[in-house]
C-alpha atoms as a PDB file:
ATOM      1  CA  MET A   1      10.264   0.456  17.196  1.00  0.00           C
ATOM      2  CA  MET A   2       9.302  -2.209  14.692  1.00  0.00           C
ATOM      3  CA  HIS A   3       8.424  -5.885  14.421  1.00  0.00           C
ATOM      4  CA  ARG A   4      11.435  -7.762  13.060  1.00  0.00           C
ATOM      5  CA  SER A   5      14.393  -6.084  11.507  1.00  0.00           C
ATOM      6  CA  THR A   6      14.956  -5.050   7.906  1.00  0.00           C
ATOM      7  CA  ARG A   7      18.142  -4.713   5.948  1.00  0.00           C
ATOM      8  CA  ALA A   8      19.142  -1.983   3.563  1.00  0.00           C
ATOM      9  CA  ALA A   9      18.048  -2.788   0.027  1.00  0.00           C
ATOM     10  CA  ARG A  10      17.781  -1.222  -3.351  1.00  0.00           C
ATOM     11  CA  VAL A  11      14.113  -0.373  -3.595  1.00  0.00           C
ATOM     12  CA  ALA A  12      13.615   0.867  -7.155  1.00  0.00           C
ATOM     13  CA  PRO A  13      12.403  -2.540  -8.442  1.00  0.00           C
ATOM     14  CA  PHE A  14      10.022  -2.736  -5.480  1.00  0.00           C
ATOM     15  CA  ALA A  15       8.613   0.735  -6.079  1.00  0.00           C
ATOM     16  CA  ALA A  16       8.309   0.050  -9.801  1.00  0.00           C
ATOM     17  CA  SER A  17       6.342  -3.117  -9.080  1.00  0.00           C
ATOM     18  CA  VAL A  18       4.055  -1.176  -6.733  1.00  0.00           C
ATOM     19  CA  LEU A  19       3.346   1.351  -9.463  1.00  0.00           C
ATOM     20  CA  ALA A  20       2.673  -1.404 -11.983  1.00  0.00           C
ATOM     21  CA  LEU A  21       0.271  -3.048  -9.553  1.00  0.00           C
ATOM     22  CA  LEU A  22      -1.642   0.191  -9.040  1.00  0.00           C
ATOM     23  CA  LEU A  23      -1.766   1.158 -12.674  1.00  0.00           C
ATOM     24  CA  SER A  24      -2.905  -2.171 -14.066  1.00  0.00           C
ATOM     25  CA  ALA A  25      -3.320  -4.626 -11.188  1.00  0.00           C
ATOM     26  CA  SER A  26      -1.268  -6.876 -13.447  1.00  0.00           C
ATOM     27  CA  ALA A  27       0.584  -8.501 -10.584  1.00  0.00           C
ATOM     28  CA  CYS A  28      -2.595  -9.952  -9.108  1.00  0.00           C
ATOM     29  CA  ASP A  29      -3.690 -13.354 -10.250  1.00  0.00           C
ATOM     30  CA  ALA A  30      -7.196 -13.721 -11.564  1.00  0.00           C
ATOM     31  CA  GLN A  31      -9.642 -15.191  -9.070  1.00  0.00           C
ATOM     32  CA  PRO A  32     -12.009 -17.826 -10.441  1.00  0.00           C
ATOM     33  CA  GLY A  33     -15.459 -16.343 -10.537  1.00  0.00           C
ATOM     34  CA  ALA A  34     -14.251 -12.803  -9.790  1.00  0.00           C
ATOM     35  CA  ARG A  35     -16.727 -10.163 -10.808  1.00  0.00           C
ATOM     36  CA  GLY A  36     -16.020  -7.630 -13.501  1.00  0.00           C
ATOM     37  CA  GLY A  37     -15.708  -9.637 -16.687  1.00  0.00           C
ATOM     38  CA  ALA A  38     -12.998 -11.596 -18.437  1.00  0.00           C
ATOM     39  CA  ILE A  39      -9.328 -11.244 -17.573  1.00  0.00           C
ATOM     40  CA  ASN A  40      -7.253  -9.636 -20.319  1.00  0.00           C
ATOM     41  CA  ARG A  41      -3.525 -10.026 -20.922  1.00  0.00           C
ATOM     42  CA  SER A  42      -0.950  -7.256 -20.964  1.00  0.00           C
ATOM     43  CA  ALA A  43       1.844  -7.051 -23.521  1.00  0.00           C
ATOM     44  CA  THR A  44       3.999  -9.079 -21.138  1.00  0.00           C
ATOM     45  CA  GLY A  45       1.389 -11.833 -20.945  1.00  0.00           C
ATOM     46  CA  ARG A  46       0.406 -11.107 -17.343  1.00  0.00           C
ATOM     47  CA  ALA A  47      -3.203 -11.288 -16.293  1.00  0.00           C
ATOM     48  CA  VAL A  48      -4.789  -7.844 -16.110  1.00  0.00           C
ATOM     49  CA  PRO A  49      -8.173  -7.731 -14.361  1.00  0.00           C
ATOM     50  CA  PRO A  50     -10.675  -5.355 -15.954  1.00  0.00           C
ATOM     51  CA  PRO A  51     -10.747  -1.915 -14.291  1.00  0.00           C
ATOM     52  CA  ASP A  52     -14.108  -2.528 -12.591  1.00  0.00           C
ATOM     53  CA  SER A  53     -13.125  -5.901 -11.095  1.00  0.00           C
ATOM     54  CA  VAL A  54     -12.896  -6.507  -7.349  1.00  0.00           C
ATOM     55  CA  LEU A  55      -9.121  -6.973  -7.655  1.00  0.00           C
ATOM     56  CA  ALA A  56      -8.507  -3.776  -9.578  1.00  0.00           C
ATOM     57  CA  ARG A  57     -10.736  -1.671  -7.316  1.00  0.00           C
ATOM     58  CA  ALA A  58      -9.183  -3.123  -4.161  1.00  0.00           C
ATOM     59  CA  SER A  59      -5.667  -2.561  -5.492  1.00  0.00           C
ATOM     60  CA  ARG A  60      -6.284   1.070  -6.402  1.00  0.00           C
ATOM     61  CA  ALA A  61      -8.095   1.784  -3.136  1.00  0.00           C
ATOM     62  CA  ARG A  62      -4.951   1.687  -0.968  1.00  0.00           C
ATOM     63  CA  GLU A  63      -3.444   4.614  -2.851  1.00  0.00           C
ATOM     64  CA  LYS A  64      -4.157   8.179  -1.754  1.00  0.00           C
ATOM     65  CA  GLY A  65      -2.948  11.599  -2.796  1.00  0.00           C
ATOM     66  CA  SER A  66      -2.362  13.175  -6.175  1.00  0.00           C
ATOM     67  CA  PRO A  67      -1.076  10.780  -8.856  1.00  0.00           C
ATOM     68  CA  ASN A  68       1.114  13.701  -9.978  1.00  0.00           C
ATOM     69  CA  ALA A  69       2.660  14.248  -6.557  1.00  0.00           C
ATOM     70  CA  PRO A  70       6.447  14.693  -6.765  1.00  0.00           C
ATOM     71  CA  VAL A  71       7.114  12.185  -3.954  1.00  0.00           C
ATOM     72  CA  MET A  72       5.782   8.671  -3.410  1.00  0.00           C
ATOM     73  CA  VAL A  73       5.797   7.089   0.050  1.00  0.00           C
ATOM     74  CA  VAL A  74       5.096   3.359   0.285  1.00  0.00           C
ATOM     75  CA  GLU A  75       4.109   2.153   3.750  1.00  0.00           C
ATOM     76  CA  VAL A  76       4.680  -1.552   4.408  1.00  0.00           C
ATOM     77  CA  SER A  77       2.454  -2.454   7.324  1.00  0.00           C
ATOM     78  CA  ASP A  78       0.637  -5.092   9.370  1.00  0.00           C
ATOM     79  CA  PHE A  79      -2.737  -4.233  10.892  1.00  0.00           C
ATOM     80  CA  GLN A  80      -1.978  -6.321  13.998  1.00  0.00           C
ATOM     81  CA  CYS A  81       1.510  -4.919  14.575  1.00  0.00           C
ATOM     82  CA  PRO A  82       1.605  -2.674  17.676  1.00  0.00           C
ATOM     83  CA  TYR A  83       4.368  -0.523  16.191  1.00  0.00           C
ATOM     84  CA  CYS A  84       2.272   0.061  13.061  1.00  0.00           C
ATOM     85  CA  ARG A  85      -0.553   1.161  15.351  1.00  0.00           C
ATOM     86  CA  GLN A  86       1.917   3.390  17.202  1.00  0.00           C
ATOM     87  CA  TRP A  87       2.891   5.123  13.946  1.00  0.00           C
ATOM     88  CA  PHE A  88      -0.780   5.499  13.050  1.00  0.00           C
ATOM     89  CA  GLU A  89      -1.499   7.102  16.423  1.00  0.00           C
ATOM     90  CA  THR A  90       1.526   9.387  16.574  1.00  0.00           C
ATOM     91  CA  SER A  91       2.455  10.367  13.008  1.00  0.00           C
ATOM     92  CA  TYR A  92      -0.027   9.260  10.357  1.00  0.00           C
ATOM     93  CA  ARG A  93      -2.558  12.082  10.633  1.00  0.00           C
ATOM     94  CA  GLN A  94       0.116  14.765  10.668  1.00  0.00           C
ATOM     95  CA  PHE A  95       1.815  13.172   7.661  1.00  0.00           C
ATOM     96  CA  ASP A  96      -1.517  12.904   5.841  1.00  0.00           C
ATOM     97  CA  SER A  97      -2.401  16.525   6.539  1.00  0.00           C
ATOM     98  CA  ALA A  98       1.003  18.005   5.740  1.00  0.00           C
ATOM     99  CA  TYR A  99       1.890  16.013   2.643  1.00  0.00           C
ATOM    100  CA  VAL A 100      -0.846  13.812   1.177  1.00  0.00           C
ATOM    101  CA  ARG A 101      -3.711  16.290   1.313  1.00  0.00           C
ATOM    102  CA  THR A 102      -1.490  19.099   0.017  1.00  0.00           C
ATOM    103  CA  GLY A 103      -0.592  17.182  -3.149  1.00  0.00           C
ATOM    104  CA  LYS A 104       3.082  16.743  -2.256  1.00  0.00           C
ATOM    105  CA  VAL A 105       3.008  12.989  -1.577  1.00  0.00           C
ATOM    106  CA  ARG A 106       1.316  10.019  -3.140  1.00  0.00           C
ATOM    107  CA  MET A 107       0.923   7.326  -0.497  1.00  0.00           C
ATOM    108  CA  VAL A 108       0.546   3.605  -1.096  1.00  0.00           C
ATOM    109  CA  PHE A 109      -0.215   1.000   1.587  1.00  0.00           C
ATOM    110  CA  ILE A 110       1.400  -2.419   1.166  1.00  0.00           C
ATOM    111  CA  ASN A 111       0.448  -5.402   3.333  1.00  0.00           C
ATOM    112  CA  LEU A 112       3.003  -7.488   5.180  1.00  0.00           C
ATOM    113  CA  PRO A 113       1.004  -9.641   7.645  1.00  0.00           C
ATOM    114  CA  LEU A 114       3.672 -11.223   9.819  1.00  0.00           C
ATOM    115  CA  PRO A 115       3.431 -14.916  10.783  1.00  0.00           C
ATOM    116  CA  MET A 116       3.472 -14.020  14.495  1.00  0.00           C
ATOM    117  CA  HIS A 117       0.161 -12.164  14.071  1.00  0.00           C
ATOM    118  CA  ASN A 118      -2.545 -14.746  13.460  1.00  0.00           C
ATOM    119  CA  GLN A 119      -5.252 -12.186  12.675  1.00  0.00           C
ATOM    120  CA  ALA A 120      -3.194  -9.891  10.464  1.00  0.00           C
ATOM    121  CA  PHE A 121      -4.106 -11.626   7.202  1.00  0.00           C
ATOM    122  CA  ALA A 122      -7.820 -11.522   8.057  1.00  0.00           C
ATOM    123  CA  ALA A 123      -7.502  -7.813   8.858  1.00  0.00           C
ATOM    124  CA  ALA A 124      -5.747  -7.198   5.537  1.00  0.00           C
ATOM    125  CA  LYS A 125      -8.553  -9.044   3.746  1.00  0.00           C
ATOM    126  CA  ALA A 126     -11.131  -6.924   5.556  1.00  0.00           C
ATOM    127  CA  ALA A 127      -9.381  -3.719   4.497  1.00  0.00           C
ATOM    128  CA  SER A 128      -8.969  -4.803   0.881  1.00  0.00           C
ATOM    129  CA  CYS A 129     -12.556  -6.041   0.596  1.00  0.00           C
ATOM    130  CA  ALA A 130     -13.778  -2.758   2.056  1.00  0.00           C
ATOM    131  CA  GLY A 131     -11.433  -1.073  -0.406  1.00  0.00           C
ATOM    132  CA  ALA A 132     -13.174  -2.794  -3.312  1.00  0.00           C
ATOM    133  CA  GLN A 133     -16.181  -0.728  -2.239  1.00  0.00           C
ATOM    134  CA  GLY A 134     -14.209   2.490  -1.810  1.00  0.00           C
ATOM    135  CA  LYS A 135     -13.712   2.210   1.960  1.00  0.00           C
ATOM    136  CA  PHE A 136     -10.095   1.117   2.340  1.00  0.00           C
ATOM    137  CA  TRP A 137      -8.829   4.119   4.259  1.00  0.00           C
ATOM    138  CA  GLU A 138     -11.882   4.220   6.494  1.00  0.00           C
ATOM    139  CA  MET A 139     -11.314   0.553   7.364  1.00  0.00           C
ATOM    140  CA  HIS A 140      -7.590   1.202   7.740  1.00  0.00           C
ATOM    141  CA  ASP A 141      -8.326   3.844  10.366  1.00  0.00           C
ATOM    142  CA  ARG A 142     -10.890   1.667  12.149  1.00  0.00           C
ATOM    143  CA  LEU A 143      -8.600  -1.370  12.323  1.00  0.00           C
ATOM    144  CA  PHE A 144      -5.714   0.543  13.806  1.00  0.00           C
ATOM    145  CA  SER A 145      -7.814   2.609  16.193  1.00  0.00           C
ATOM    146  CA  THR A 146      -9.485  -0.541  17.580  1.00  0.00           C
ATOM    147  CA  GLN A 147      -6.478  -2.880  17.407  1.00  0.00           C
ATOM    148  CA  ARG A 148      -6.287  -3.278  21.188  1.00  0.00           C
ATOM    149  CA  GLU A 149      -9.917  -4.449  21.211  1.00  0.00           C
ATOM    150  CA  TRP A 150      -9.772  -7.153  18.528  1.00  0.00           C
ATOM    151  CA  ASN A 151      -6.149  -8.259  18.892  1.00  0.00           C
ATOM    152  CA  GLY A 152      -6.141 -11.850  20.134  1.00  0.00           C
ATOM    153  CA  GLN A 153      -9.935 -12.177  20.089  1.00  0.00           C
ATOM    154  CA  ALA A 154     -11.485 -15.282  18.547  1.00  0.00           C
ATOM    155  CA  ASP A 155     -14.265 -13.211  16.963  1.00  0.00           C
ATOM    156  CA  ALA A 156     -11.928 -10.737  15.232  1.00  0.00           C
ATOM    157  CA  ALA A 157     -13.275 -11.540  11.740  1.00  0.00           C
ATOM    158  CA  GLN A 158     -16.832 -10.947  12.935  1.00  0.00           C
ATOM    159  CA  ARG A 159     -15.732  -7.615  14.368  1.00  0.00           C
ATOM    160  CA  PHE A 160     -14.163  -6.686  11.048  1.00  0.00           C
ATOM    161  CA  ALA A 161     -17.442  -7.485   9.284  1.00  0.00           C
ATOM    162  CA  ARG A 162     -19.279  -5.254  11.736  1.00  0.00           C
ATOM    163  CA  PHE A 163     -16.822  -2.435  11.100  1.00  0.00           C
ATOM    164  CA  ALA A 164     -17.409  -2.798   7.361  1.00  0.00           C
ATOM    165  CA  LEU A 165     -21.176  -2.590   7.777  1.00  0.00           C
ATOM    166  CA  GLU A 166     -20.816   0.473   9.997  1.00  0.00           C
ATOM    167  CA  LEU A 167     -18.744   2.088   7.252  1.00  0.00           C
ATOM    168  CA  GLY A 168     -21.556   1.518   4.766  1.00  0.00           C
ATOM    169  CA  VAL A 169     -20.337  -1.324   2.555  1.00  0.00           C
ATOM    170  CA  ASP A 170     -22.751  -3.650   0.816  1.00  0.00           C
ATOM    171  CA  PRO A 171     -22.883  -6.650   3.180  1.00  0.00           C
ATOM    172  CA  ALA A 172     -23.450  -9.306   0.516  1.00  0.00           C
ATOM    173  CA  ALA A 173     -20.562  -8.072  -1.638  1.00  0.00           C
ATOM    174  CA  TYR A 174     -18.292  -7.861   1.404  1.00  0.00           C
ATOM    175  CA  ARG A 175     -19.130 -11.412   2.499  1.00  0.00           C
ATOM    176  CA  ASP A 176     -18.565 -12.713  -1.027  1.00  0.00           C
ATOM    177  CA  CYS A 177     -15.190 -10.969  -1.146  1.00  0.00           C
ATOM    178  CA  ILE A 178     -14.121 -12.421   2.208  1.00  0.00           C
ATOM    179  CA  ASP A 179     -15.535 -15.927   1.816  1.00  0.00           C
ATOM    180  CA  ASN A 180     -14.228 -16.422  -1.720  1.00  0.00           C
ATOM    181  CA  GLU A 181     -10.804 -14.861  -1.164  1.00  0.00           C
ATOM    182  CA  ARG A 182     -11.384 -12.275  -3.895  1.00  0.00           C
ATOM    183  CA  THR A 183      -8.499 -10.055  -2.792  1.00  0.00           C
ATOM    184  CA  SER A 184      -6.110 -12.523  -1.150  1.00  0.00           C
ATOM    185  CA  SER A 185      -3.822 -12.520  -4.190  1.00  0.00           C
ATOM    186  CA  ILE A 186      -3.215  -8.802  -3.635  1.00  0.00           C
ATOM    187  CA  ILE A 187      -2.006  -9.464  -0.092  1.00  0.00           C
ATOM    188  CA  LEU A 188       0.157 -12.413  -1.137  1.00  0.00           C
ATOM    189  CA  ASN A 189       1.657 -10.343  -3.929  1.00  0.00           C
ATOM    190  CA  ASP A 190       2.414  -7.564  -1.436  1.00  0.00           C
ATOM    191  CA  VAL A 191       4.269 -10.045   0.764  1.00  0.00           C
ATOM    192  CA  MET A 192       6.360 -11.278  -2.158  1.00  0.00           C
ATOM    193  CA  GLN A 193       7.184  -7.745  -3.300  1.00  0.00           C
ATOM    194  CA  ALA A 194       8.194  -6.638   0.197  1.00  0.00           C
ATOM    195  CA  SER A 195      10.301  -9.753   0.709  1.00  0.00           C
ATOM    196  CA  GLY A 196      11.988  -9.215  -2.639  1.00  0.00           C
ATOM    197  CA  ALA A 197      12.974  -5.712  -1.509  1.00  0.00           C
ATOM    198  CA  GLY A 198      14.536  -7.081   1.670  1.00  0.00           C
ATOM    199  CA  ILE A 199      11.730  -5.908   3.941  1.00  0.00           C
ATOM    200  CA  ASN A 200      10.781  -8.456   6.589  1.00  0.00           C
ATOM    201  CA  GLY A 201       9.445  -6.240   9.373  1.00  0.00           C
ATOM    202  CA  THR A 202       6.824  -3.592   9.952  1.00  0.00           C
ATOM    203  CA  PRO A 203       6.316  -0.745   9.679  1.00  0.00           C
ATOM    204  CA  ALA A 204       8.701   0.269   6.924  1.00  0.00           C
ATOM    205  CA  PHE A 205       8.561   3.272   4.615  1.00  0.00           C
ATOM    206  CA  VAL A 206       9.994   3.621   1.131  1.00  0.00           C
ATOM    207  CA  VAL A 207      10.480   7.254   0.133  1.00  0.00           C
ATOM    208  CA  ASN A 208      10.644   8.038  -3.561  1.00  0.00           C
ATOM    209  CA  ASN A 209      12.321   4.771  -4.538  1.00  0.00           C
ATOM    210  CA  GLN A 210      15.480   5.772  -2.684  1.00  0.00           C
ATOM    211  CA  ARG A 211      15.710   4.150   0.721  1.00  0.00           C
ATOM    212  CA  ILE A 212      13.854   2.236   3.405  1.00  0.00           C
ATOM    213  CA  LEU A 213      13.048   3.793   6.781  1.00  0.00           C
ATOM    214  CA  ASN A 214      12.382   1.216   9.465  1.00  0.00           C
ATOM    215  CA  GLY A 215      10.054   1.301  12.432  1.00  0.00           C
ATOM    216  CA  ALA A 216       7.484   3.669  13.903  1.00  0.00           C
ATOM    217  CA  ILE A 217       9.589   6.657  12.941  1.00  0.00           C
ATOM    218  CA  PRO A 218       8.637  10.102  14.281  1.00  0.00           C
ATOM    219  CA  PHE A 219       6.902  12.460  11.902  1.00  0.00           C
ATOM    220  CA  ALA A 220       9.928  14.776  11.982  1.00  0.00           C
ATOM    221  CA  ASP A 221      12.206  12.041  10.635  1.00  0.00           C
ATOM    222  CA  LEU A 222       9.871  11.122   7.797  1.00  0.00           C
ATOM    223  CA  SER A 223       9.297  14.808   7.047  1.00  0.00           C
ATOM    224  CA  ARG A 224      13.051  15.358   6.737  1.00  0.00           C
ATOM    225  CA  GLU A 225      13.277  12.581   4.141  1.00  0.00           C
ATOM    226  CA  ILE A 226      10.295  13.910   2.214  1.00  0.00           C
ATOM    227  CA  GLU A 227      11.622  17.463   2.206  1.00  0.00           C
ATOM    228  CA  ALA A 228      14.936  16.199   0.867  1.00  0.00           C
ATOM    229  CA  ALA A 229      13.100  14.315  -1.884  1.00  0.00           C
ATOM    230  CA  LEU A 230      11.051  17.418  -2.711  1.00  0.00           C
ATOM    231  CA  ALA A 231      14.228  19.483  -3.004  1.00  0.00           C
ATOM    232  CA  ALA A 232      16.027  16.967  -5.207  1.00  0.00           C
ATOM    233  CA  PRO A 233      16.004  17.455  -8.984  1.00  0.00           C
ATOM    234  CA  ARG A 234      13.174  15.545 -10.548  1.00  0.00           C
ATOM    235  CA  ALA A 235      13.895  12.873 -13.126  1.00  0.00           C
ATOM    236  CA  PRO A 236      12.684  13.680 -16.650  1.00  0.00           C
ATOM    237  CA  ALA A 237       9.294  12.311 -17.581  1.00  0.00           C
ATOM    238  CA  PRO A 238       9.286   9.069 -19.587  1.00  0.00           C
ATOM    239  CA  GLY A 239       9.833   9.876 -23.250  1.00  0.00           C
ATOM    240  CA  ALA A 240      11.254  13.309 -22.555  1.00  0.00           C
ATOM    241  CA  ALA A 241      14.042  14.457 -24.863  1.00  0.00           C
ATOM    242  CA  PRO A 242      17.504  14.104 -23.354  1.00  0.00           C
ATOM    243  CA  ALA A 243      19.341  17.249 -22.358  1.00  0.00           C
ATOM    244  CA  PRO A 244      21.617  18.592 -25.119  1.00  0.00           C
ATOM    245  CA  PRO A 245      25.332  18.007 -24.651  1.00  0.00           C
ATOM    246  CA  PRO A 246      27.343  20.913 -23.227  1.00  0.00           C
ATOM    247  CA  PRO A 247      29.031  23.178 -25.819  1.00  0.00           C
ATOM    248  CA  PRO A 248      32.665  22.450 -26.576  1.00  0.00           C
ATOM    249  CA  PRO A 249      35.200  24.572 -24.746  1.00  0.00           C
ATOM    250  CA  ALA A 250      36.240  27.777 -26.445  1.00  0.00           C
ATOM    251  CA  PRO A 251      39.476  27.505 -28.412  1.00  0.00           C
END
């Protein structure tokens, strides 16, 4: 039900790094000549692309759902993986309808193009470059729905470019993004973050920083995990006052 196995791992550092990436794109290295102005530095000294840069737009584009949703689901995926396509075909739309569109779940897509899939990195680039123009999820859907057609084809990159044009992206900006590797650092960073969390196969799902679910899991199984996360007490917001100590026992 998945490509390569994963081991249990503590995922809080992984989820925290995903959030940092989305909020500031600070984990992505600056690309020479990237559009959007000069690269600033965060308080930690990391490069922070300006909010209108290709990197920042592409990074934010693979998030969907309310930023205030009580549950976050991180999907670690490979566009050429048949089990990732299987999950897309059998569970994704139901999950999206039941949880993302209702404001219960914030979803984030993380790339893990596996070495066995020689077109997976190109597909991830196509999705991220489309994402820089606001079309990540449309390209995501197109890549998975047509995977059987482009998988193993020598002209896969040309097909991806055609998909992008059909989705309405600016062709010159898309070509510049692809040819000059504008978003490749996002994908490489994703791989490092997933590897650091002990994830080496796809698909994998991280639910609310708690645990990793492996493989093309049925919607019912993912729903059970989400419902448990929704029912769990929520952690206090950052900066919230701590709860007062209990009163001393009566004499």
